[in-house]
Structures are given as C-alpha cells and as structure tokens.
Amino acid sequence: MMSSLVIYFSRNGENYFGGELKNIEKGNTEVIAEYIQELDGADLFKVEPAVEYPADYMKCIDVAKKEQQAGARPEIKETLESIDQYDTIYIGFPNWWGTLPMPMFTQLEQLDFTGKVVKPFVTHEGSGFGSSQKDLAKLCEGAEIKRGLSIPGASVGSAKDTVKAWIEE
C-alpha cells in the first residue's frame, strides 16, 4: 500500500502574524503539516537550511529576498533522497517574496515526481500562493498537481477542519 508524505519548510521565532510581528514557538506551516499527519497518517519531512535564517524577521526576509534574486539553492541539513514509496506528496511552505523559500527549491529539484499526486499548501499573511504554483509545476514535472490550500498564518490554529476537507477532496 502506498502512502503519503508532507515535505515542508516552516520557520518559528519572529514572524509576521495577524498583522504584527510576534514570536511564535512553532511555524505556521509546521502546524498545518502536523494536521495533515494526524488526519492522513502522512510521514513528515522538514526542509531545514544548513545555515539558519536570522531570528529577526526583517533580517530574515532581507536574506530570503537576496537568495531569491540570486536564484540561490541554499544547502540543507538533510536531503530527502527519494519519494518512490509515496503516491501523494503534500508540499507546504510560507509564501516568501511570492514563491517558495529557496531551500524548498534545493530539495524539490532533487526528486522525481513522475506519476505522483502533489497537493500544495501555503501559509501567508495576505499574499496567497503568489507565483509558487507556476514554480511548483516546474519543480514537480510529471506529477498531477491538485488544487492547493492557502491559509493565512493567523488562522492556522483554527484551520484543522479546512485542512480535513481539503485532504478529502
């Protein structure tokens, strides 16, 4: 029997949350990833940069913007080598400058998505998916990409029913 996997990037610490900067213990995307794990039994794989982003939100987004402009592929702590044993891949991330954080590109470019079902989800504070769905189509070539789920970061604590309905689509 095939199973599902959540590949996600999430950042705790100082984040833009509900219209203001707040320190959060668990990143918004990680909250959603854990809902998917609980509801679907999916395995989790967290993409983590080898060099952590600055704790200060403004410094973090500055680094993220420079990475994106440079087309950087930051080194990650651990690389997922294969997704062969999974049929459904959930891909989750915060919207950073209109798309996925660059460490997600580092990871996703190394995987073969041929024949997989991909279900993307994004956390944001008003920007939705931005151009990330176009980028995902390139990164996940050969996959059937399903409708994505867009959740404002400030709403993650009350989004479990929304996540459940999306999983069941």
Foldseek 3Di string as FASTA:
>chain_A
DFAEEEEEEFDFAFDCAPNRTDGGPTGLQVLLRVLCCVQRVHHYDYWAAPDHADNDPVSRLVVQVVCVVVVHQGHTPDEDQEDVRHQEYEYEAEQRPQEHRNPVLNRLQNYALANHEYEYEYEYQPRWNRCHVVVVCVSNPNYHYDDYHYHYSNCSVPCSVVSNVVVVD
